[in-house]
Amino acid sequence: MARKASIERDKKRARMIEKYSDQWEANRAIALDNSLSWDERQQARLNMAKLPKNSHSTRKKNRCFVTGRSRGYIRHFGLSRITFRELALRGELPGIRKASW
């Protein structure tokens, strides 16, 4: 089980990403638009730099939704490798079975 503080910190980041996503996308579109002047694009980059660090989507960590573990995360299932194996061996994941049986 992951520490509660780590899980809560990641939840806070998810809320911030949701809150600032529109501003990130608007500024990014301006910054990458070559038809605009250099000054306008530079101002958009400065606006992006002023946003909180944790408001960018790359700061979010994938975590197992059962245990909160961040390492060994299987994206397709949203589980860590350990939880995935436990659930698969108990037959609680439909369509998953052990290869060597």
PDB file of N, CA and C in Angstrom:
ATOM      1  N   MET A   1       0.839  -1.175   0.000  1.00  0.00           N
ATOM      2  CA  MET A   1       0.000   0.000   0.000  1.00  0.00           C
ATOM      3  C   MET A   1       0.880   1.234   0.000  1.00  0.00           C
ATOM      4  N   ALA A   2       0.590   2.154  -0.890  1.00  0.00           N
ATOM      5  CA  ALA A   2       1.361   3.389  -0.976  1.00  0.00           C
ATOM      6  C   ALA A   2       1.007   4.309   0.195  1.00  0.00           C
ATOM      7  N   ARG A   3       1.906   5.220   0.478  1.00  0.00           N
ATOM      8  CA  ARG A   3       1.635   6.185   1.543  1.00  0.00           C
ATOM      9  C   ARG A   3       0.434   7.046   1.163  1.00  0.00           C
ATOM     10  N   LYS A   4      -0.363   7.368   2.147  1.00  0.00           N
ATOM     11  CA  LYS A   4      -1.559   8.183   1.913  1.00  0.00           C
ATOM     12  C   LYS A   4      -1.196   9.556   1.352  1.00  0.00           C
ATOM     13  N   ALA A   5      -0.080  10.115   1.831  1.00  0.00           N
ATOM     14  CA  ALA A   5       0.326  11.445   1.374  1.00  0.00           C
ATOM     15  C   ALA A   5       0.640  11.438  -0.121  1.00  0.00           C
ATOM     16  N   SER A   6       1.268  10.366  -0.601  1.00  0.00           N
ATOM     17  CA  SER A   6       1.593  10.272  -2.025  1.00  0.00           C
ATOM     18  C   SER A   6       0.334  10.189  -2.871  1.00  0.00           C
ATOM     19  N   ILE A   7      -0.617   9.412  -2.401  1.00  0.00           N
ATOM     20  CA  ILE A   7      -1.877   9.264  -3.133  1.00  0.00           C
ATOM     21  C   ILE A   7      -2.634  10.576  -3.145  1.00  0.00           C
ATOM     22  N   GLU A   8      -2.706  11.242  -2.011  1.00  0.00           N
ATOM     23  CA  GLU A   8      -3.420  12.518  -1.926  1.00  0.00           C
ATOM     24  C   GLU A   8      -2.743  13.597  -2.768  1.00  0.00           C
ATOM     25  N   ARG A   9      -1.420  13.607  -2.780  1.00  0.00           N
ATOM     26  CA  ARG A   9      -0.684  14.570  -3.597  1.00  0.00           C
ATOM     27  C   ARG A   9      -1.015  14.376  -5.073  1.00  0.00           C
ATOM     28  N   ASP A  10      -1.118  13.117  -5.482  1.00  0.00           N
ATOM     29  CA  ASP A  10      -1.441  12.833  -6.872  1.00  0.00           C
ATOM     30  C   ASP A  10      -2.880  13.232  -7.202  1.00  0.00           C
ATOM     31  N   LYS A  11      -3.781  13.068  -6.244  1.00  0.00           N
ATOM     32  CA  LYS A  11      -5.166  13.509  -6.455  1.00  0.00           C
ATOM     33  C   LYS A  11      -5.225  15.031  -6.598  1.00  0.00           C
ATOM     34  N   LYS A  12      -4.413  15.719  -5.802  1.00  0.00           N
ATOM     35  CA  LYS A  12      -4.363  17.178  -5.880  1.00  0.00           C
ATOM     36  C   LYS A  12      -3.846  17.614  -7.250  1.00  0.00           C
ATOM     37  N   ARG A  13      -2.820  16.911  -7.749  1.00  0.00           N
ATOM     38  CA  ARG A  13      -2.299  17.216  -9.077  1.00  0.00           C
ATOM     39  C   ARG A  13      -3.365  17.012 -10.143  1.00  0.00           C
ATOM     40  N   ALA A  14      -4.141  15.950 -10.011  1.00  0.00           N
ATOM     41  CA  ALA A  14      -5.203  15.679 -10.983  1.00  0.00           C
ATOM     42  C   ALA A  14      -6.229  16.814 -10.992  1.00  0.00           C
ATOM     43  N   ARG A  15      -6.574  17.326  -9.809  1.00  0.00           N
ATOM     44  CA  ARG A  15      -7.510  18.458  -9.739  1.00  0.00           C
ATOM     45  C   ARG A  15      -6.915  19.706 -10.398  1.00  0.00           C
ATOM     46  N   MET A  16      -5.621  19.940 -10.174  1.00  0.00           N
ATOM     47  CA  MET A  16      -4.975  21.116 -10.767  1.00  0.00           C
ATOM     48  C   MET A  16      -4.897  20.990 -12.286  1.00  0.00           C
ATOM     49  N   ILE A  17      -4.619  19.790 -12.764  1.00  0.00           N
ATOM     50  CA  ILE A  17      -4.565  19.566 -14.215  1.00  0.00           C
ATOM     51  C   ILE A  17      -5.915  19.879 -14.828  1.00  0.00           C
ATOM     52  N   GLU A  18      -6.975  19.426 -14.183  1.00  0.00           N
ATOM     53  CA  GLU A  18      -8.329  19.692 -14.673  1.00  0.00           C
ATOM     54  C   GLU A  18      -8.625  21.190 -14.674  1.00  0.00           C
ATOM     55  N   LYS A  19      -8.203  21.865 -13.633  1.00  0.00           N
ATOM     56  CA  LYS A  19      -8.486  23.291 -13.479  1.00  0.00           C
ATOM     57  C   LYS A  19      -7.783  24.144 -14.536  1.00  0.00           C
ATOM     58  N   TYR A  20      -6.511  23.823 -14.833  1.00  0.00           N
ATOM     59  CA  TYR A  20      -5.715  24.661 -15.712  1.00  0.00           C
ATOM     60  C   TYR A  20      -5.571  24.123 -17.135  1.00  0.00           C
ATOM     61  N   SER A  21      -6.239  23.045 -17.481  1.00  0.00           N
ATOM     62  CA  SER A  21      -6.036  22.434 -18.797  1.00  0.00           C
ATOM     63  C   SER A  21      -6.416  23.379 -19.945  1.00  0.00           C
ATOM     64  N   ASP A  22      -7.476  24.140 -19.783  1.00  0.00           N
ATOM     65  CA  ASP A  22      -7.884  25.073 -20.845  1.00  0.00           C
ATOM     66  C   ASP A  22      -6.820  26.144 -21.088  1.00  0.00           C
ATOM     67  N   GLN A  23      -6.244  26.673 -20.008  1.00  0.00           N
ATOM     68  CA  GLN A  23      -5.205  27.695 -20.149  1.00  0.00           C
ATOM     69  C   GLN A  23      -3.967  27.118 -20.816  1.00  0.00           C
ATOM     70  N   TRP A  24      -3.578  25.876 -20.423  1.00  0.00           N
ATOM     71  CA  TRP A  24      -2.415  25.238 -21.036  1.00  0.00           C
ATOM     72  C   TRP A  24      -2.618  25.083 -22.539  1.00  0.00           C
ATOM     73  N   GLU A  25      -3.787  24.575 -22.927  1.00  0.00           N
ATOM     74  CA  GLU A  25      -4.039  24.322 -24.347  1.00  0.00           C
ATOM     75  C   GLU A  25      -4.093  25.615 -25.155  1.00  0.00           C
ATOM     76  N   ALA A  26      -4.710  26.647 -24.603  1.00  0.00           N
ATOM     77  CA  ALA A  26      -4.803  27.924 -25.315  1.00  0.00           C
ATOM     78  C   ALA A  26      -3.407  28.532 -25.508  1.00  0.00           C
ATOM     79  N   ASN A  27      -2.615  28.555 -24.450  1.00  0.00           N
ATOM     80  CA  ASN A  27      -1.265  29.127 -24.556  1.00  0.00           C
ATOM     81  C   ASN A  27      -0.370  28.289 -25.458  1.00  0.00           C
ATOM     82  N   ARG A  28      -0.529  26.983 -25.415  1.00  0.00           N
ATOM     83  CA  ARG A  28       0.294  26.112 -26.247  1.00  0.00           C
ATOM     84  C   ARG A  28      -0.027  26.314 -27.725  1.00  0.00           C
ATOM     85  N   ALA A  29      -1.305  26.462 -28.039  1.00  0.00           N
ATOM     86  CA  ALA A  29      -1.706  26.691 -29.426  1.00  0.00           C
ATOM     87  C   ALA A  29      -1.110  28.001 -29.949  1.00  0.00           C
ATOM     88  N   ILE A  30      -1.110  29.023 -29.128  1.00  0.00           N
ATOM     89  CA  ILE A  30      -0.537  30.311 -29.523  1.00  0.00           C
ATOM     90  C   ILE A  30       0.977  30.193 -29.677  1.00  0.00           C
ATOM     91  N   ALA A  31       1.624  29.517 -28.732  1.00  0.00           N
ATOM     92  CA  ALA A  31       3.081  29.398 -28.761  1.00  0.00           C
ATOM     93  C   ALA A  31       3.573  28.626 -29.983  1.00  0.00           C
ATOM     94  N   LEU A  32       2.791  27.693 -30.485  1.00  0.00           N
ATOM     95  CA  LEU A  32       3.202  26.877 -31.626  1.00  0.00           C
ATOM     96  C   LEU A  32       2.730  27.415 -32.974  1.00  0.00           C
ATOM     97  N   ASP A  33       1.930  28.482 -32.964  1.00  0.00           N
ATOM     98  CA  ASP A  33       1.386  29.044 -34.202  1.00  0.00           C
ATOM     99  C   ASP A  33       2.420  29.949 -34.868  1.00  0.00           C
ATOM    100  N   ASN A  34       2.986  29.491 -35.966  1.00  0.00           N
ATOM    101  CA  ASN A  34       4.025  30.256 -36.663  1.00  0.00           C
ATOM    102  C   ASN A  34       3.490  31.467 -37.413  1.00  0.00           C
ATOM    103  N   SER A  35       2.191  31.564 -37.600  1.00  0.00           N
ATOM    104  CA  SER A  35       1.630  32.721 -38.298  1.00  0.00           C
ATOM    105  C   SER A  35       1.593  33.962 -37.399  1.00  0.00           C
ATOM    106  N   LEU A  36       1.724  33.776 -36.099  1.00  0.00           N
ATOM    107  CA  LEU A  36       1.737  34.909 -35.169  1.00  0.00           C
ATOM    108  C   LEU A  36       3.153  35.466 -35.031  1.00  0.00           C
ATOM    109  N   SER A  37       3.239  36.671 -34.491  1.00  0.00           N
ATOM    110  CA  SER A  37       4.549  37.291 -34.318  1.00  0.00           C
ATOM    111  C   SER A  37       5.323  36.609 -33.188  1.00  0.00           C
ATOM    112  N   TRP A  38       6.629  36.833 -33.203  1.00  0.00           N
ATOM    113  CA  TRP A  38       7.495  36.226 -32.198  1.00  0.00           C
ATOM    114  C   TRP A  38       7.125  36.708 -30.803  1.00  0.00           C
ATOM    115  N   ASP A  39       6.782  37.991 -30.685  1.00  0.00           N
ATOM    116  CA  ASP A  39       6.435  38.561 -29.381  1.00  0.00           C
ATOM    117  C   ASP A  39       5.173  37.921 -28.798  1.00  0.00           C
ATOM    118  N   GLU A  40       4.181  37.694 -29.652  1.00  0.00           N
ATOM    119  CA  GLU A  40       2.947  37.060 -29.167  1.00  0.00           C
ATOM    120  C   GLU A  40       3.204  35.625 -28.700  1.00  0.00           C
ATOM    121  N   ARG A  41       4.007  34.910 -29.468  1.00  0.00           N
ATOM    122  CA  ARG A  41       4.326  33.528 -29.095  1.00  0.00           C
ATOM    123  C   ARG A  41       5.155  33.490 -27.801  1.00  0.00           C
ATOM    124  N   GLN A  42       6.078  34.442 -27.673  1.00  0.00           N
ATOM    125  CA  GLN A  42       6.896  34.507 -26.465  1.00  0.00           C
ATOM    126  C   GLN A  42       6.039  34.839 -25.245  1.00  0.00           C
ATOM    127  N   GLN A  43       5.068  35.697 -25.410  1.00  0.00           N
ATOM    128  CA  GLN A  43       4.162  36.034 -24.307  1.00  0.00           C
ATOM    129  C   GLN A  43       3.351  34.812 -23.873  1.00  0.00           C
ATOM    130  N   ALA A  44       2.938  33.997 -24.832  1.00  0.00           N
ATOM    131  CA  ALA A  44       2.209  32.766 -24.503  1.00  0.00           C
ATOM    132  C   ALA A  44       3.107  31.811 -23.715  1.00  0.00           C
ATOM    133  N   ARG A  45       4.382  31.737 -24.089  1.00  0.00           N
ATOM    134  CA  ARG A  45       5.323  30.884 -23.349  1.00  0.00           C
ATOM    135  C   ARG A  45       5.525  31.393 -21.921  1.00  0.00           C
ATOM    136  N   LEU A  46       5.582  32.701 -21.766  1.00  0.00           N
ATOM    137  CA  LEU A  46       5.709  33.278 -20.428  1.00  0.00           C
ATOM    138  C   LEU A  46       4.461  32.995 -19.586  1.00  0.00           C
ATOM    139  N   ASN A  47       3.297  33.066 -20.224  1.00  0.00           N
ATOM    140  CA  ASN A  47       2.056  32.750 -19.513  1.00  0.00           C
ATOM    141  C   ASN A  47       2.043  31.293 -19.061  1.00  0.00           C
ATOM    142  N   MET A  48       2.576  30.396 -19.895  1.00  0.00           N
ATOM    143  CA  MET A  48       2.660  28.989 -19.525  1.00  0.00           C
ATOM    144  C   MET A  48       3.614  28.796 -18.347  1.00  0.00           C
ATOM    145  N   ALA A  49       4.688  29.553 -18.328  1.00  0.00           N
ATOM    146  CA  ALA A  49       5.668  29.439 -17.256  1.00  0.00           C
ATOM    147  C   ALA A  49       5.110  29.948 -15.925  1.00  0.00           C
ATOM    148  N   LYS A  50       4.139  30.843 -15.982  1.00  0.00           N
ATOM    149  CA  LYS A  50       3.544  31.387 -14.765  1.00  0.00           C
ATOM    150  C   LYS A  50       2.541  30.431 -14.123  1.00  0.00           C
ATOM    151  N   LEU A  51       2.048  29.472 -14.882  1.00  0.00           N
ATOM    152  CA  LEU A  51       1.100  28.510 -14.328  1.00  0.00           C
ATOM    153  C   LEU A  51       1.820  27.599 -13.325  1.00  0.00           C
ATOM    154  N   PRO A  52       1.101  27.062 -12.360  1.00  0.00           N
ATOM    155  CA  PRO A  52       1.738  26.175 -11.374  1.00  0.00           C
ATOM    156  C   PRO A  52       2.348  24.937 -12.037  1.00  0.00           C
ATOM    157  N   LYS A  53       3.467  24.465 -11.491  1.00  0.00           N
ATOM    158  CA  LYS A  53       4.141  23.292 -12.047  1.00  0.00           C
ATOM    159  C   LYS A  53       3.231  22.076 -12.077  1.00  0.00           C
ATOM    160  N   ASN A  54       2.523  21.855 -10.993  1.00  0.00           N
ATOM    161  CA  ASN A  54       1.689  20.663 -10.888  1.00  0.00           C
ATOM    162  C   ASN A  54       0.430  20.725 -11.729  1.00  0.00           C
ATOM    163  N   SER A  55       0.241  21.790 -12.474  1.00  0.00           N
ATOM    164  CA  SER A  55      -0.946  21.890 -13.318  1.00  0.00           C
ATOM    165  C   SER A  55      -0.716  21.305 -14.710  1.00  0.00           C
ATOM    166  N   HIS A  56       0.480  20.830 -14.994  1.00  0.00           N
ATOM    167  CA  HIS A  56       0.758  20.233 -16.299  1.00  0.00           C
ATOM    168  C   HIS A  56       0.583  18.721 -16.215  1.00  0.00           C
ATOM    169  N   SER A  57       0.069  18.144 -17.274  1.00  0.00           N
ATOM    170  CA  SER A  57      -0.308  16.726 -17.254  1.00  0.00           C
ATOM    171  C   SER A  57       0.876  15.777 -17.094  1.00  0.00           C
ATOM    172  N   THR A  58       2.088  16.223 -17.401  1.00  0.00           N
ATOM    173  CA  THR A  58       3.236  15.327 -17.256  1.00  0.00           C
ATOM    174  C   THR A  58       3.609  15.103 -15.800  1.00  0.00           C
ATOM    175  N   ARG A  59       3.071  15.886 -14.890  1.00  0.00           N
ATOM    176  CA  ARG A  59       3.377  15.717 -13.470  1.00  0.00           C
ATOM    177  C   ARG A  59       2.533  14.621 -12.819  1.00  0.00           C
ATOM    178  N   LYS A  60       1.468  14.198 -13.496  1.00  0.00           N
ATOM    179  CA  LYS A  60       0.586  13.170 -12.941  1.00  0.00           C
ATOM    180  C   LYS A  60       1.256  11.815 -13.023  1.00  0.00           C
ATOM    181  N   LYS A  61       1.113  11.035 -11.968  1.00  0.00           N
ATOM    182  CA  LYS A  61       1.705   9.701 -11.882  1.00  0.00           C
ATOM    183  C   LYS A  61       0.602   8.665 -12.010  1.00  0.00           C
ATOM    184  N   ASN A  62       0.831   7.640 -12.832  1.00  0.00           N
ATOM    185  CA  ASN A  62      -0.123   6.547 -12.924  1.00  0.00           C
ATOM    186  C   ASN A  62      -0.007   5.693 -11.669  1.00  0.00           C
ATOM    187  N   ARG A  63      -1.153   5.393 -11.054  1.00  0.00           N
ATOM    188  CA  ARG A  63      -1.162   4.605  -9.828  1.00  0.00           C
ATOM    189  C   ARG A  63      -2.235   3.525  -9.913  1.00  0.00           C
ATOM    190  N   CYS A  64      -1.949   2.407  -9.260  1.00  0.00           N
ATOM    191  CA  CYS A  64      -2.912   1.318  -9.141  1.00  0.00           C
ATOM    192  C   CYS A  64      -4.116   1.843  -8.365  1.00  0.00           C
ATOM    193  N   PHE A  65      -5.327   1.608  -8.872  1.00  0.00           N
ATOM    194  CA  PHE A  65      -6.481   2.159  -8.181  1.00  0.00           C
ATOM    195  C   PHE A  65      -6.884   1.320  -6.963  1.00  0.00           C
ATOM    196  N   VAL A  66      -6.309   0.140  -6.798  1.00  0.00           N
ATOM    197  CA  VAL A  66      -6.589  -0.682  -5.623  1.00  0.00           C
ATOM    198  C   VAL A  66      -5.629  -0.344  -4.484  1.00  0.00           C
ATOM    199  N   THR A  67      -4.318  -0.363  -4.777  1.00  0.00           N
ATOM    200  CA  THR A  67      -3.322  -0.178  -3.722  1.00  0.00           C
ATOM    201  C   THR A  67      -2.653   1.185  -3.742  1.00  0.00           C
ATOM    202  N   GLY A  68      -2.676   1.892  -4.859  1.00  0.00           N
ATOM    203  CA  GLY A  68      -2.004   3.184  -4.966  1.00  0.00           C
ATOM    204  C   GLY A  68      -0.553   3.061  -5.382  1.00  0.00           C
ATOM    205  N   ARG A  69      -0.095   1.829  -5.653  1.00  0.00           N
ATOM    206  CA  ARG A  69       1.297   1.610  -6.043  1.00  0.00           C
ATOM    207  C   ARG A  69       1.566   2.262  -7.390  1.00  0.00           C
ATOM    208  N   SER A  70       2.732   2.931  -7.520  1.00  0.00           N
ATOM    209  CA  SER A  70       3.044   3.646  -8.757  1.00  0.00           C
ATOM    210  C   SER A  70       3.966   2.853  -9.677  1.00  0.00           C
ATOM    211  N   ARG A  71       4.711   1.924  -9.124  1.00  0.00           N
ATOM    212  CA  ARG A  71       5.640   1.152  -9.951  1.00  0.00           C
ATOM    213  C   ARG A  71       4.973  -0.123 -10.449  1.00  0.00           C
ATOM    214  N   GLY A  72       5.401  -0.581 -11.615  1.00  0.00           N
ATOM    215  CA  GLY A  72       4.843  -1.803 -12.170  1.00  0.00           C
ATOM    216  C   GLY A  72       3.393  -1.625 -12.576  1.00  0.00           C
ATOM    217  N   TYR A  73       3.037  -0.455 -13.088  1.00  0.00           N
ATOM    218  CA  TYR A  73       1.670  -0.111 -13.444  1.00  0.00           C
ATOM    219  C   TYR A  73       1.334  -0.661 -14.832  1.00  0.00           C
ATOM    220  N   ILE A  74       0.222  -1.366 -14.942  1.00  0.00           N
ATOM    221  CA  ILE A  74      -0.253  -1.879 -16.230  1.00  0.00           C
ATOM    222  C   ILE A  74      -1.381  -0.958 -16.683  1.00  0.00           C
ATOM    223  N   ARG A  75      -1.112  -0.169 -17.689  1.00  0.00           N
ATOM    224  CA  ARG A  75      -2.013   0.891 -18.109  1.00  0.00           C
ATOM    225  C   ARG A  75      -3.380   0.376 -18.565  1.00  0.00           C
ATOM    226  N   HIS A  76      -3.392  -0.728 -19.279  1.00  0.00           N
ATOM    227  CA  HIS A  76      -4.646  -1.259 -19.833  1.00  0.00           C
ATOM    228  C   HIS A  76      -5.652  -1.605 -18.730  1.00  0.00           C
ATOM    229  N   PHE A  77      -5.163  -2.062 -17.600  1.00  0.00           N
ATOM    230  CA  PHE A  77      -6.041  -2.477 -16.512  1.00  0.00           C
ATOM    231  C   PHE A  77      -6.117  -1.456 -15.382  1.00  0.00           C
ATOM    232  N   GLY A  78      -5.161  -0.550 -15.308  1.00  0.00           N
ATOM    233  CA  GLY A  78      -5.136   0.421 -14.218  1.00  0.00           C
ATOM    234  C   GLY A  78      -4.709  -0.199 -12.901  1.00  0.00           C
ATOM    235  N   LEU A  79      -3.936  -1.285 -12.994  1.00  0.00           N
ATOM    236  CA  LEU A  79      -3.496  -2.018 -11.810  1.00  0.00           C
ATOM    237  C   LEU A  79      -1.988  -2.145 -11.797  1.00  0.00           C
ATOM    238  N   SER A  80      -1.435  -2.371 -10.601  1.00  0.00           N
ATOM    239  CA  SER A  80      -0.014  -2.688 -10.515  1.00  0.00           C
ATOM    240  C   SER A  80       0.149  -4.169 -10.868  1.00  0.00           C
ATOM    241  N   ARG A  81       1.379  -4.569 -11.151  1.00  0.00           N
ATOM    242  CA  ARG A  81       1.642  -5.950 -11.559  1.00  0.00           C
ATOM    243  C   ARG A  81       1.266  -6.942 -10.465  1.00  0.00           C
ATOM    244  N   ILE A  82       1.456  -6.551  -9.215  1.00  0.00           N
ATOM    245  CA  ILE A  82       1.163  -7.442  -8.100  1.00  0.00           C
ATOM    246  C   ILE A  82      -0.345  -7.645  -7.950  1.00  0.00           C
ATOM    247  N   THR A  83      -1.095  -6.551  -7.972  1.00  0.00           N
ATOM    248  CA  THR A  83      -2.545  -6.631  -7.863  1.00  0.00           C
ATOM    249  C   THR A  83      -3.131  -7.356  -9.064  1.00  0.00           C
ATOM    250  N   PHE A  84      -2.585  -7.083 -10.247  1.00  0.00           N
ATOM    251  CA  PHE A  84      -3.044  -7.756 -11.460  1.00  0.00           C
ATOM    252  C   PHE A  84      -2.899  -9.269 -11.309  1.00  0.00           C
ATOM    253  N   ARG A  85      -1.750  -9.708 -10.829  1.00  0.00           N
ATOM    254  CA  ARG A  85      -1.498 -11.143 -10.681  1.00  0.00           C
ATOM    255  C   ARG A  85      -2.444 -11.768  -9.661  1.00  0.00           C
ATOM    256  N   GLU A  86      -2.644 -11.095  -8.539  1.00  0.00           N
ATOM    257  CA  GLU A  86      -3.554 -11.621  -7.516  1.00  0.00           C
ATOM    258  C   GLU A  86      -4.974 -11.768  -8.055  1.00  0.00           C
ATOM    259  N   LEU A  87      -5.466 -10.740  -8.725  1.00  0.00           N
ATOM    260  CA  LEU A  87      -6.826 -10.784  -9.255  1.00  0.00           C
ATOM    261  C   LEU A  87      -6.957 -11.809 -10.378  1.00  0.00           C
ATOM    262  N   ALA A  88      -5.933 -11.919 -11.210  1.00  0.00           N
ATOM    263  CA  ALA A  88      -5.975 -12.881 -12.311  1.00  0.00           C
ATOM    264  C   ALA A  88      -5.982 -14.314 -11.786  1.00  0.00           C
ATOM    265  N   LEU A  89      -5.186 -14.604 -10.768  1.00  0.00           N
ATOM    266  CA  LEU A  89      -5.143 -15.958 -10.224  1.00  0.00           C
ATOM    267  C   LEU A  89      -6.437 -16.334  -9.506  1.00  0.00           C
ATOM    268  N   ARG A  90      -7.124 -15.349  -8.962  1.00  0.00           N
ATOM    269  CA  ARG A  90      -8.422 -15.606  -8.325  1.00  0.00           C
ATOM    270  C   ARG A  90      -9.554 -15.679  -9.344  1.00  0.00           C
ATOM    271  N   GLY A  91      -9.254 -15.335 -10.617  1.00  0.00           N
ATOM    272  CA  GLY A  91     -10.270 -15.380 -11.660  1.00  0.00           C
ATOM    273  C   GLY A  91     -11.198 -14.185 -11.667  1.00  0.00           C
ATOM    274  N   GLU A  92     -10.763 -13.066 -11.108  1.00  0.00           N
ATOM    275  CA  GLU A  92     -11.615 -11.883 -11.024  1.00  0.00           C
ATOM    276  C   GLU A  92     -11.428 -10.927 -12.195  1.00  0.00           C
ATOM    277  N   LEU A  93     -10.501 -11.243 -13.096  1.00  0.00           N
ATOM    278  CA  LEU A  93     -10.326 -10.437 -14.300  1.00  0.00           C
ATOM    279  C   LEU A  93     -10.848 -11.252 -15.487  1.00  0.00           C
ATOM    280  N   PRO A  94     -11.930 -10.831 -16.093  1.00  0.00           N
ATOM    281  CA  PRO A  94     -12.501 -11.628 -17.180  1.00  0.00           C
ATOM    282  C   PRO A  94     -11.570 -11.663 -18.396  1.00  0.00           C
ATOM    283  N   GLY A  95     -11.439 -12.864 -18.955  1.00  0.00           N
ATOM    284  CA  GLY A  95     -10.619 -13.041 -20.149  1.00  0.00           C
ATOM    285  C   GLY A  95      -9.143 -13.247 -19.888  1.00  0.00           C
ATOM    286  N   ILE A  96      -8.741 -13.237 -18.631  1.00  0.00           N
ATOM    287  CA  ILE A  96      -7.328 -13.413 -18.280  1.00  0.00           C
ATOM    288  C   ILE A  96      -7.166 -14.787 -17.644  1.00  0.00           C
ATOM    289  N   ARG A  97      -6.202 -15.548 -18.149  1.00  0.00           N
ATOM    290  CA  ARG A  97      -5.889 -16.827 -17.529  1.00  0.00           C
ATOM    291  C   ARG A  97      -4.394 -17.069 -17.637  1.00  0.00           C
ATOM    292  N   LYS A  98      -3.909 -17.926 -16.777  1.00  0.00           N
ATOM    293  CA  LYS A  98      -2.480 -18.213 -16.717  1.00  0.00           C
ATOM    294  C   LYS A  98      -2.073 -19.005 -17.962  1.00  0.00           C
ATOM    295  N   ALA A  99      -0.944 -18.628 -18.549  1.00  0.00           N
ATOM    296  CA  ALA A  99      -0.515 -19.241 -19.806  1.00  0.00           C
ATOM    297  C   ALA A  99      -0.059 -20.673 -19.623  1.00  0.00           C
ATOM    298  N   SER A 100       0.470 -21.029 -18.469  1.00  0.00           N
ATOM    299  CA  SER A 100       1.072 -22.347 -18.284  1.00  0.00           C
ATOM    300  C   SER A 100       0.081 -23.389 -17.777  1.00  0.00           C
ATOM    301  N   TRP A 101      -1.197 -23.073 -17.686  1.00  0.00           N
ATOM    302  CA  TRP A 101      -2.160 -24.044 -17.183  1.00  0.00           C
ATOM    303  C   TRP A 101      -2.567 -24.999 -18.244  1.00  0.00           C
TER     304      TRP A 101
END
